[in-house]
Amino acid sequence: MPDWIFIITRSLIFLGLLFITTKILGKKQISELSFFEYVAGITIGSIAGEVVTGLEANVWHGMLAVLIFFLVTFLVDFVSLKSKGFRDFAEGKGTVVIKDGKVLENNLKKEKYSIDELSALLRQKDIFRIADVEFAVLEPRGNLSTLLKTENRPLTPKDLQMKMAKEKEPQTVIMDGNIIDESLRCSGKGRGWLYTELEKLDVTLDNVFIGQVDSYGELTVDLYDDKIEVPAPAHRPLLLATLKKVQADLEIFSLETDCDKSKAMYKRNSVKVQETIDKLSPYLNG
C-alpha cells in the first residue's frame, strides 16, 4: 500500500482520537492551561504527529501512548476537584506581587517575572501607575488580578445611590438578512411588529446584517451598507419627555387657575406624575 494512503488513514484516526479526548477533557483543555495541561497537550500532539508521519512506527503503540496521557490528565483533573492540596500542587497557587501600592520584588523574582512584564500586564487592565493598585495577584494560569485603591476605582451607580434598571440578554432576531423566529418569540415579539419597526427605521430586511431586541423591547440594527445612518431608538426618551411635559403643564395650570379646588387637583396630579417620573427614570433614560 502506498505511503500516502497510510498517512491519510493515520491522520484521520488520530484526528478523531484527539478530538474525542479533548472533548471529554472539556473546554479547560483549550482555554487557559495549567502547567500540567500544557505539558500533556504538547506531548499528546507530539505523539500523534510522530505516529501519523512515522510510517515505520507502530500505530497501536502511538494510540496507547495518547490514551495513557489522556487518562493521566483526566485523573489529575478529577483528583484536583476532590483535593485542594493536590490542586495547589498540580495547578499552582496565586502569588501576591503588589500590596498597598508596592511591588513585592521577591515574589516577582520567584515567578520569574520582570518589572516590564508586570507593567505590561497592568497596562492591559488600563493601569499605568503601580501606586494606584491596592492588591495584585499573579494567578496560576498567568493572568493578573488587580484591586485598585478605593480613591482610584471608577464610580458606579451604586456609589451615587442611583437606581438602575435590570437588563436581560439581547435577543438576535435578524442575522444575515434572515429572521430568527425562536429569538423573536423569546423577546415576546412577532414578525408583524418586526416589519413595522424596520419600516420606522426605513430599512429593508435583506440589508440588515444583524438585528437585536433589548430588554426594553427596542430594535437596533447593523446594516450591510455602512453609509446608511440608522436613527437610534427614541421611544423611551420620548416617553420621558412627554411625562415631564405633562407634569410641567399641571404645575402651570395650578398656578394660573383661581379656583382653589382646581388648584389642589392640578397640584395633586402634578405630584403623582412626578412620582411616576422618579420611578421610571432609570428605565427611560435611554
C-alpha atoms as a PDB file:
ATOM      1  CA  MET A   1       0.000   0.000   0.000  1.00  0.00           C
ATOM      2  CA  PRO A   2       1.415   3.493  -0.896  1.00  0.00           C
ATOM      3  CA  ASP A   3       2.787   5.640   1.925  1.00  0.00           C
ATOM      4  CA  TRP A   4       0.353   8.449   1.268  1.00  0.00           C
ATOM      5  CA  ILE A   5      -2.572   6.150   1.992  1.00  0.00           C
ATOM      6  CA  PHE A   6      -1.021   5.252   5.362  1.00  0.00           C
ATOM      7  CA  ILE A   7      -0.565   8.943   6.178  1.00  0.00           C
ATOM      8  CA  ILE A   8      -4.175   9.797   5.281  1.00  0.00           C
ATOM      9  CA  THR A   9      -5.536   6.834   7.244  1.00  0.00           C
ATOM     10  CA  ARG A  10      -3.452   7.541  10.347  1.00  0.00           C
ATOM     11  CA  SER A  11      -4.199  11.263  10.148  1.00  0.00           C
ATOM     12  CA  LEU A  12      -7.954  10.624  10.168  1.00  0.00           C
ATOM     13  CA  ILE A  13      -7.660   8.106  13.004  1.00  0.00           C
ATOM     14  CA  PHE A  14      -5.609  10.383  15.246  1.00  0.00           C
ATOM     15  CA  LEU A  15      -7.614  13.484  14.349  1.00  0.00           C
ATOM     16  CA  GLY A  16     -10.735  11.722  15.568  1.00  0.00           C
ATOM     17  CA  LEU A  17      -8.966  10.325  18.634  1.00  0.00           C
ATOM     18  CA  LEU A  18      -7.537  13.719  19.647  1.00  0.00           C
ATOM     19  CA  PHE A  19     -10.918  15.390  19.099  1.00  0.00           C
ATOM     20  CA  ILE A  20     -12.705  12.840  21.288  1.00  0.00           C
ATOM     21  CA  THR A  21     -10.130  13.021  24.096  1.00  0.00           C
ATOM     22  CA  THR A  22     -10.134  16.840  24.044  1.00  0.00           C
ATOM     23  CA  LYS A  23     -13.936  16.854  24.016  1.00  0.00           C
ATOM     24  CA  ILE A  24     -14.019  14.621  27.098  1.00  0.00           C
ATOM     25  CA  LEU A  25     -11.390  16.686  28.919  1.00  0.00           C
ATOM     26  CA  GLY A  26     -13.578  19.770  28.383  1.00  0.00           C
ATOM     27  CA  LYS A  27     -13.171  23.421  27.414  1.00  0.00           C
ATOM     28  CA  LYS A  28     -10.492  23.867  30.042  1.00  0.00           C
ATOM     29  CA  GLN A  29      -8.094  21.942  27.812  1.00  0.00           C
ATOM     30  CA  ILE A  30      -8.355  24.550  25.035  1.00  0.00           C
ATOM     31  CA  SER A  31      -8.566  27.710  27.157  1.00  0.00           C
ATOM     32  CA  GLU A  32      -6.063  28.904  29.733  1.00  0.00           C
ATOM     33  CA  LEU A  33      -3.899  25.914  30.556  1.00  0.00           C
ATOM     34  CA  SER A  34      -2.293  24.919  33.816  1.00  0.00           C
ATOM     35  CA  PHE A  35       1.301  23.673  33.838  1.00  0.00           C
ATOM     36  CA  PHE A  36       0.237  20.029  33.728  1.00  0.00           C
ATOM     37  CA  GLU A  37      -2.329  20.568  30.969  1.00  0.00           C
ATOM     38  CA  TYR A  38       0.255  22.491  28.918  1.00  0.00           C
ATOM     39  CA  VAL A  39       2.785  19.653  29.170  1.00  0.00           C
ATOM     40  CA  ALA A  40       0.169  16.982  28.484  1.00  0.00           C
ATOM     41  CA  GLY A  41      -1.246  18.828  25.470  1.00  0.00           C
ATOM     42  CA  ILE A  42       2.163  19.273  23.843  1.00  0.00           C
ATOM     43  CA  THR A  43       3.117  15.645  24.484  1.00  0.00           C
ATOM     44  CA  ILE A  44      -0.135  14.228  23.098  1.00  0.00           C
ATOM     45  CA  GLY A  45       0.237  16.357  19.965  1.00  0.00           C
ATOM     46  CA  SER A  46       3.867  15.305  19.512  1.00  0.00           C
ATOM     47  CA  ILE A  47       2.997  11.628  19.862  1.00  0.00           C
ATOM     48  CA  ALA A  48       0.168  11.932  17.362  1.00  0.00           C
ATOM     49  CA  GLY A  49       2.333  13.807  14.858  1.00  0.00           C
ATOM     50  CA  GLU A  50       5.154  11.259  15.138  1.00  0.00           C
ATOM     51  CA  VAL A  51       2.868   8.272  14.641  1.00  0.00           C
ATOM     52  CA  VAL A  52       0.984   9.904  11.740  1.00  0.00           C
ATOM     53  CA  THR A  53       4.122  10.740   9.757  1.00  0.00           C
ATOM     54  CA  GLY A  54       6.426   7.962  11.017  1.00  0.00           C
ATOM     55  CA  LEU A  55       5.422   5.128   8.721  1.00  0.00           C
ATOM     56  CA  GLU A  56       7.707   2.632  10.405  1.00  0.00           C
ATOM     57  CA  ALA A  57       6.136   3.285  13.819  1.00  0.00           C
ATOM     58  CA  ASN A  58       3.502   1.013  15.293  1.00  0.00           C
ATOM     59  CA  VAL A  59       0.166   2.811  15.140  1.00  0.00           C
ATOM     60  CA  TRP A  60      -1.232   0.887  18.100  1.00  0.00           C
ATOM     61  CA  HIS A  61       1.694   1.896  20.284  1.00  0.00           C
ATOM     62  CA  GLY A  62       1.021   5.527  19.420  1.00  0.00           C
ATOM     63  CA  MET A  63      -2.664   5.195  20.222  1.00  0.00           C
ATOM     64  CA  LEU A  64      -1.780   3.551  23.533  1.00  0.00           C
ATOM     65  CA  ALA A  65       0.554   6.441  24.421  1.00  0.00           C
ATOM     66  CA  VAL A  66      -2.151   9.029  23.626  1.00  0.00           C
ATOM     67  CA  LEU A  67      -4.681   7.130  25.726  1.00  0.00           C
ATOM     68  CA  ILE A  68      -2.229   6.933  28.629  1.00  0.00           C
ATOM     69  CA  PHE A  69      -1.700  10.708  28.606  1.00  0.00           C
ATOM     70  CA  PHE A  70      -5.441  11.226  28.273  1.00  0.00           C
ATOM     71  CA  LEU A  71      -6.151   9.021  31.279  1.00  0.00           C
ATOM     72  CA  VAL A  72      -3.432  10.677  33.362  1.00  0.00           C
ATOM     73  CA  THR A  73      -4.742  14.166  32.516  1.00  0.00           C
ATOM     74  CA  PHE A  74      -8.310  13.112  33.231  1.00  0.00           C
ATOM     75  CA  LEU A  75      -7.249  11.574  36.557  1.00  0.00           C
ATOM     76  CA  VAL A  76      -5.318  14.700  37.571  1.00  0.00           C
ATOM     77  CA  ASP A  77      -8.346  16.912  36.830  1.00  0.00           C
ATOM     78  CA  PHE A  78     -10.617  14.559  38.779  1.00  0.00           C
ATOM     79  CA  VAL A  79      -8.368  14.415  41.850  1.00  0.00           C
ATOM     80  CA  SER A  80      -7.897  18.213  41.687  1.00  0.00           C
ATOM     81  CA  LEU A  81     -11.638  18.664  42.099  1.00  0.00           C
ATOM     82  CA  LYS A  82     -11.589  16.493  45.231  1.00  0.00           C
ATOM     83  CA  SER A  83      -8.400  17.725  46.914  1.00  0.00           C
ATOM     84  CA  LYS A  84      -7.317  21.336  47.331  1.00  0.00           C
ATOM     85  CA  GLY A  85      -3.818  20.285  48.359  1.00  0.00           C
ATOM     86  CA  PHE A  86      -3.364  18.244  45.201  1.00  0.00           C
ATOM     87  CA  ARG A  87      -4.921  21.056  43.132  1.00  0.00           C
ATOM     88  CA  ASP A  88      -2.392  23.534  44.545  1.00  0.00           C
ATOM     89  CA  PHE A  89       0.403  21.095  43.676  1.00  0.00           C
ATOM     90  CA  ALA A  90      -0.792  20.320  40.135  1.00  0.00           C
ATOM     91  CA  GLU A  91      -2.071  23.744  39.094  1.00  0.00           C
ATOM     92  CA  GLY A  92      -0.153  26.053  41.424  1.00  0.00           C
ATOM     93  CA  LYS A  93      -1.325  28.899  43.674  1.00  0.00           C
ATOM     94  CA  GLY A  94      -1.736  32.626  43.179  1.00  0.00           C
ATOM     95  CA  THR A  95       1.225  34.836  44.088  1.00  0.00           C
ATOM     96  CA  VAL A  96       0.814  38.328  45.506  1.00  0.00           C
ATOM     97  CA  VAL A  97       3.048  40.682  43.509  1.00  0.00           C
ATOM     98  CA  ILE A  98       1.674  44.092  44.613  1.00  0.00           C
ATOM     99  CA  LYS A  99       0.422  45.037  48.067  1.00  0.00           C
ATOM    100  CA  ASP A 100      -0.528  48.508  49.293  1.00  0.00           C
ATOM    101  CA  GLY A 101       0.834  50.027  46.077  1.00  0.00           C
ATOM    102  CA  LYS A 102       4.280  48.421  46.485  1.00  0.00           C
ATOM    103  CA  VAL A 103       5.822  45.694  44.342  1.00  0.00           C
ATOM    104  CA  LEU A 104       6.889  42.571  46.221  1.00  0.00           C
ATOM    105  CA  GLU A 105      10.183  42.016  44.422  1.00  0.00           C
ATOM    106  CA  ASN A 106      10.930  38.612  45.960  1.00  0.00           C
ATOM    107  CA  ASN A 107       7.598  37.182  44.850  1.00  0.00           C
ATOM    108  CA  LEU A 108       8.084  38.671  41.396  1.00  0.00           C
ATOM    109  CA  LYS A 109      11.531  37.071  41.078  1.00  0.00           C
ATOM    110  CA  LYS A 110      10.150  33.788  42.377  1.00  0.00           C
ATOM    111  CA  GLU A 111       7.687  33.718  39.462  1.00  0.00           C
ATOM    112  CA  LYS A 112      10.482  34.800  37.066  1.00  0.00           C
ATOM    113  CA  TYR A 113       8.612  37.943  36.004  1.00  0.00           C
ATOM    114  CA  SER A 114      10.375  41.194  35.219  1.00  0.00           C
ATOM    115  CA  ILE A 115       9.002  44.622  36.134  1.00  0.00           C
ATOM    116  CA  ASP A 116       8.454  45.234  32.398  1.00  0.00           C
ATOM    117  CA  GLU A 117       6.266  42.145  32.133  1.00  0.00           C
ATOM    118  CA  LEU A 118       4.339  43.183  35.241  1.00  0.00           C
ATOM    119  CA  SER A 119       3.839  46.673  33.816  1.00  0.00           C
ATOM    120  CA  ALA A 120       2.576  45.155  30.559  1.00  0.00           C
ATOM    121  CA  LEU A 121       0.001  43.078  32.448  1.00  0.00           C
ATOM    122  CA  LEU A 122      -1.122  46.175  34.341  1.00  0.00           C
ATOM    123  CA  ARG A 123      -1.440  48.205  31.124  1.00  0.00           C
ATOM    124  CA  GLN A 124      -3.729  45.512  29.708  1.00  0.00           C
ATOM    125  CA  LYS A 125      -6.071  46.450  32.564  1.00  0.00           C
ATOM    126  CA  ASP A 126      -5.680  50.196  31.828  1.00  0.00           C
ATOM    127  CA  ILE A 127      -3.500  50.674  34.925  1.00  0.00           C
ATOM    128  CA  PHE A 128      -0.405  52.806  34.375  1.00  0.00           C
ATOM    129  CA  ARG A 129       0.634  53.603  37.963  1.00  0.00           C
ATOM    130  CA  ILE A 130       1.657  50.852  40.330  1.00  0.00           C
ATOM    131  CA  ALA A 131       0.926  53.161  43.263  1.00  0.00           C
ATOM    132  CA  ASP A 132      -2.777  53.114  42.290  1.00  0.00           C
ATOM    133  CA  VAL A 133      -3.008  49.357  42.970  1.00  0.00           C
ATOM    134  CA  GLU A 134      -4.119  48.128  46.377  1.00  0.00           C
ATOM    135  CA  PHE A 135      -3.603  44.445  45.659  1.00  0.00           C
ATOM    136  CA  ALA A 136      -2.446  42.367  42.672  1.00  0.00           C
ATOM    137  CA  VAL A 137      -2.208  38.585  42.376  1.00  0.00           C
ATOM    138  CA  LEU A 138      -0.497  36.612  39.626  1.00  0.00           C
ATOM    139  CA  GLU A 139      -2.878  33.701  39.083  1.00  0.00           C
ATOM    140  CA  PRO A 140      -1.741  30.099  38.414  1.00  0.00           C
ATOM    141  CA  ARG A 141      -2.779  30.424  34.755  1.00  0.00           C
ATOM    142  CA  GLY A 142      -0.641  33.504  34.163  1.00  0.00           C
ATOM    143  CA  ASN A 143      -3.268  36.268  34.266  1.00  0.00           C
ATOM    144  CA  LEU A 144      -3.079  39.172  36.701  1.00  0.00           C
ATOM    145  CA  SER A 145      -5.973  40.012  39.057  1.00  0.00           C
ATOM    146  CA  THR A 146      -5.919  43.543  40.485  1.00  0.00           C
ATOM    147  CA  LEU A 147      -7.809  45.617  43.031  1.00  0.00           C
ATOM    148  CA  LEU A 148      -7.430  49.384  42.763  1.00  0.00           C
ATOM    149  CA  LYS A 149      -7.279  51.609  45.806  1.00  0.00           C
ATOM    150  CA  THR A 150     -10.660  52.977  46.819  1.00  0.00           C
ATOM    151  CA  GLU A 151      -9.962  56.515  45.614  1.00  0.00           C
ATOM    152  CA  ASN A 152      -8.861  55.225  42.194  1.00  0.00           C
ATOM    153  CA  ARG A 153     -11.843  52.994  41.454  1.00  0.00           C
ATOM    154  CA  PRO A 154     -14.390  54.279  38.930  1.00  0.00           C
ATOM    155  CA  LEU A 155     -17.690  55.482  40.305  1.00  0.00           C
ATOM    156  CA  THR A 156     -20.677  53.190  39.945  1.00  0.00           C
ATOM    157  CA  PRO A 157     -24.400  53.993  40.084  1.00  0.00           C
ATOM    158  CA  LYS A 158     -24.432  52.288  43.489  1.00  0.00           C
ATOM    159  CA  ASP A 159     -21.831  54.757  44.786  1.00  0.00           C
ATOM    160  CA  LEU A 160     -24.100  57.595  43.683  1.00  0.00           C
ATOM    161  CA  GLN A 161     -27.154  55.823  45.128  1.00  0.00           C
ATOM    162  CA  MET A 162     -28.742  55.720  41.687  1.00  0.00           C
ATOM    163  CA  LYS A 163     -31.365  53.150  40.782  1.00  0.00           C
ATOM    164  CA  MET A 164     -30.644  51.344  37.548  1.00  0.00           C
ATOM    165  CA  ALA A 165     -32.913  49.116  35.523  1.00  0.00           C
ATOM    166  CA  LYS A 166     -32.089  45.425  35.286  1.00  0.00           C
ATOM    167  CA  GLU A 167     -31.233  44.325  31.773  1.00  0.00           C
ATOM    168  CA  LYS A 168     -31.623  40.937  30.161  1.00  0.00           C
ATOM    169  CA  GLU A 169     -29.656  39.387  27.342  1.00  0.00           C
ATOM    170  CA  PRO A 170     -30.470  40.993  23.971  1.00  0.00           C
ATOM    171  CA  GLN A 171     -32.115  38.638  21.503  1.00  0.00           C
ATOM    172  CA  THR A 172     -30.688  38.444  17.996  1.00  0.00           C
ATOM    173  CA  VAL A 173     -33.822  38.393  15.829  1.00  0.00           C
ATOM    174  CA  ILE A 174     -32.189  39.074  12.441  1.00  0.00           C
ATOM    175  CA  MET A 175     -28.969  37.563  11.155  1.00  0.00           C
ATOM    176  CA  ASP A 176     -27.631  37.894   7.614  1.00  0.00           C
ATOM    177  CA  GLY A 177     -30.974  39.248   6.436  1.00  0.00           C
ATOM    178  CA  ASN A 178     -32.925  36.299   7.829  1.00  0.00           C
ATOM    179  CA  ILE A 179     -35.445  36.413  10.695  1.00  0.00           C
ATOM    180  CA  ILE A 180     -34.733  34.090  13.646  1.00  0.00           C
ATOM    181  CA  ASP A 181     -38.221  33.172  14.808  1.00  0.00           C
ATOM    182  CA  GLU A 182     -37.126  31.433  18.028  1.00  0.00           C
ATOM    183  CA  SER A 183     -35.297  34.534  19.292  1.00  0.00           C
ATOM    184  CA  LEU A 184     -38.232  36.674  18.191  1.00  0.00           C
ATOM    185  CA  ARG A 185     -40.576  34.573  20.322  1.00  0.00           C
ATOM    186  CA  CYS A 186     -38.205  34.750  23.299  1.00  0.00           C
ATOM    187  CA  SER A 187     -38.327  38.547  23.103  1.00  0.00           C
ATOM    188  CA  GLY A 188     -42.146  38.416  23.144  1.00  0.00           C
ATOM    189  CA  LYS A 189     -42.459  39.880  19.639  1.00  0.00           C
ATOM    190  CA  GLY A 190     -43.814  38.733  16.296  1.00  0.00           C
ATOM    191  CA  ARG A 191     -42.989  39.203  12.655  1.00  0.00           C
ATOM    192  CA  GLY A 192     -45.642  41.891  12.257  1.00  0.00           C
ATOM    193  CA  TRP A 193     -44.006  44.012  14.971  1.00  0.00           C
ATOM    194  CA  LEU A 194     -40.572  43.435  13.422  1.00  0.00           C
ATOM    195  CA  TYR A 195     -41.647  44.567   9.948  1.00  0.00           C
ATOM    196  CA  THR A 196     -43.289  47.643  11.483  1.00  0.00           C
ATOM    197  CA  GLU A 197     -40.075  48.572  13.329  1.00  0.00           C
ATOM    198  CA  LEU A 198     -37.978  48.083  10.187  1.00  0.00           C
ATOM    199  CA  GLU A 199     -40.382  50.347   8.323  1.00  0.00           C
ATOM    200  CA  LYS A 200     -39.981  53.010  11.020  1.00  0.00           C
ATOM    201  CA  LEU A 201     -36.203  52.813  10.592  1.00  0.00           C
ATOM    202  CA  ASP A 202     -36.654  52.978   6.808  1.00  0.00           C
ATOM    203  CA  VAL A 203     -34.523  49.855   6.190  1.00  0.00           C
ATOM    204  CA  THR A 204     -35.202  46.618   4.339  1.00  0.00           C
ATOM    205  CA  LEU A 205     -34.807  43.169   5.829  1.00  0.00           C
ATOM    206  CA  ASP A 206     -32.258  41.982   3.259  1.00  0.00           C
ATOM    207  CA  ASN A 207     -29.964  44.927   4.093  1.00  0.00           C
ATOM    208  CA  VAL A 208     -29.810  44.040   7.821  1.00  0.00           C
ATOM    209  CA  PHE A 209     -26.633  42.227   8.819  1.00  0.00           C
ATOM    210  CA  ILE A 210     -27.715  41.789  12.438  1.00  0.00           C
ATOM    211  CA  GLY A 211     -30.736  42.995  14.402  1.00  0.00           C
ATOM    212  CA  GLN A 212     -31.245  42.730  18.159  1.00  0.00           C
ATOM    213  CA  VAL A 213     -34.110  43.375  20.552  1.00  0.00           C
ATOM    214  CA  ASP A 214     -33.046  44.567  24.018  1.00  0.00           C
ATOM    215  CA  SER A 215     -34.812  44.016  27.330  1.00  0.00           C
ATOM    216  CA  TYR A 216     -36.860  47.200  26.750  1.00  0.00           C
ATOM    217  CA  GLY A 217     -38.281  45.840  23.507  1.00  0.00           C
ATOM    218  CA  GLU A 218     -36.310  48.230  21.276  1.00  0.00           C
ATOM    219  CA  LEU A 219     -34.851  47.104  17.961  1.00  0.00           C
ATOM    220  CA  THR A 220     -31.304  48.050  16.950  1.00  0.00           C
ATOM    221  CA  VAL A 221     -29.853  47.050  13.579  1.00  0.00           C
ATOM    222  CA  ASP A 222     -26.484  46.957  11.855  1.00  0.00           C
ATOM    223  CA  LEU A 223     -26.691  47.224   8.067  1.00  0.00           C
ATOM    224  CA  TYR A 224     -24.550  45.827   5.299  1.00  0.00           C
ATOM    225  CA  ASP A 225     -24.392  49.316   3.825  1.00  0.00           C
ATOM    226  CA  ASP A 226     -22.377  51.275   6.411  1.00  0.00           C
ATOM    227  CA  LYS A 227     -23.066  54.541   4.592  1.00  0.00           C
ATOM    228  CA  ILE A 228     -26.716  54.478   5.685  1.00  0.00           C
ATOM    229  CA  GLU A 229     -27.286  56.192   9.029  1.00  0.00           C
ATOM    230  CA  VAL A 230     -29.789  54.357  11.222  1.00  0.00           C
ATOM    231  CA  PRO A 231     -31.533  56.537  13.825  1.00  0.00           C
ATOM    232  CA  ALA A 232     -31.123  55.483  17.448  1.00  0.00           C
ATOM    233  CA  PRO A 233     -34.238  54.188  19.251  1.00  0.00           C
ATOM    234  CA  ALA A 234     -36.114  57.123  20.797  1.00  0.00           C
ATOM    235  CA  HIS A 235     -39.186  55.509  22.348  1.00  0.00           C
ATOM    236  CA  ARG A 236     -38.038  55.718  25.966  1.00  0.00           C
ATOM    237  CA  PRO A 237     -36.540  59.256  25.861  1.00  0.00           C
ATOM    238  CA  LEU A 238     -39.654  60.453  24.040  1.00  0.00           C
ATOM    239  CA  LEU A 239     -41.930  58.923  26.680  1.00  0.00           C
ATOM    240  CA  LEU A 240     -39.869  60.507  29.459  1.00  0.00           C
ATOM    241  CA  ALA A 241     -40.019  63.897  27.758  1.00  0.00           C
ATOM    242  CA  THR A 242     -43.795  63.561  27.394  1.00  0.00           C
ATOM    243  CA  LEU A 243     -44.221  62.760  31.081  1.00  0.00           C
ATOM    244  CA  LYS A 244     -42.100  65.752  32.045  1.00  0.00           C
ATOM    245  CA  LYS A 245     -44.187  67.994  29.795  1.00  0.00           C
ATOM    246  CA  VAL A 246     -47.407  66.693  31.391  1.00  0.00           C
ATOM    247  CA  GLN A 247     -46.007  67.383  34.869  1.00  0.00           C
ATOM    248  CA  ALA A 248     -44.935  70.893  33.860  1.00  0.00           C
ATOM    249  CA  ASP A 249     -48.350  71.619  32.305  1.00  0.00           C
ATOM    250  CA  LEU A 250     -50.090  70.556  35.521  1.00  0.00           C
ATOM    251  CA  GLU A 251     -47.845  72.887  37.506  1.00  0.00           C
ATOM    252  CA  ILE A 252     -48.708  75.763  35.148  1.00  0.00           C
ATOM    253  CA  PHE A 253     -52.446  75.018  35.370  1.00  0.00           C
ATOM    254  CA  SER A 254     -52.261  75.052  39.174  1.00  0.00           C
ATOM    255  CA  LEU A 255     -50.619  78.488  39.089  1.00  0.00           C
ATOM    256  CA  GLU A 256     -52.976  80.005  36.516  1.00  0.00           C
ATOM    257  CA  THR A 257     -56.331  78.931  37.983  1.00  0.00           C
ATOM    258  CA  ASP A 258     -58.131  80.964  40.628  1.00  0.00           C
ATOM    259  CA  CYS A 259     -60.281  78.047  41.781  1.00  0.00           C
ATOM    260  CA  ASP A 260     -58.846  76.544  44.949  1.00  0.00           C
ATOM    261  CA  LYS A 261     -60.420  73.158  44.217  1.00  0.00           C
ATOM    262  CA  SER A 262     -58.925  73.023  40.716  1.00  0.00           C
ATOM    263  CA  LYS A 263     -55.588  74.281  42.014  1.00  0.00           C
ATOM    264  CA  ALA A 264     -55.464  71.457  44.571  1.00  0.00           C
ATOM    265  CA  MET A 265     -56.434  68.899  41.905  1.00  0.00           C
ATOM    266  CA  TYR A 266     -53.711  70.063  39.484  1.00  0.00           C
ATOM    267  CA  LYS A 267     -51.156  70.135  42.285  1.00  0.00           C
ATOM    268  CA  ARG A 268     -52.089  66.650  43.465  1.00  0.00           C
ATOM    269  CA  ASN A 269     -51.867  65.180  39.969  1.00  0.00           C
ATOM    270  CA  SER A 270     -48.618  67.001  39.339  1.00  0.00           C
ATOM    271  CA  VAL A 271     -47.101  65.286  42.377  1.00  0.00           C
ATOM    272  CA  LYS A 272     -48.357  61.888  41.175  1.00  0.00           C
ATOM    273  CA  VAL A 273     -46.846  62.382  37.719  1.00  0.00           C
ATOM    274  CA  GLN A 274     -43.538  63.465  39.305  1.00  0.00           C
ATOM    275  CA  GLU A 275     -43.527  60.327  41.447  1.00  0.00           C
ATOM    276  CA  THR A 276     -44.091  58.266  38.304  1.00  0.00           C
ATOM    277  CA  ILE A 277     -41.222  60.053  36.560  1.00  0.00           C
ATOM    278  CA  ASP A 278     -38.904  59.341  39.502  1.00  0.00           C
ATOM    279  CA  LYS A 279     -39.783  55.640  39.406  1.00  0.00           C
ATOM    280  CA  LEU A 280     -39.483  55.278  35.632  1.00  0.00           C
ATOM    281  CA  SER A 281     -36.413  57.464  35.042  1.00  0.00           C
ATOM    282  CA  PRO A 282     -33.903  54.553  35.412  1.00  0.00           C
ATOM    283  CA  TYR A 283     -35.829  52.722  32.697  1.00  0.00           C
ATOM    284  CA  LEU A 284     -36.455  55.651  30.352  1.00  0.00           C
ATOM    285  CA  ASN A 285     -33.082  57.439  30.351  1.00  0.00           C
ATOM    286  CA  GLY A 286     -32.099  55.913  27.035  1.00  0.00           C
END
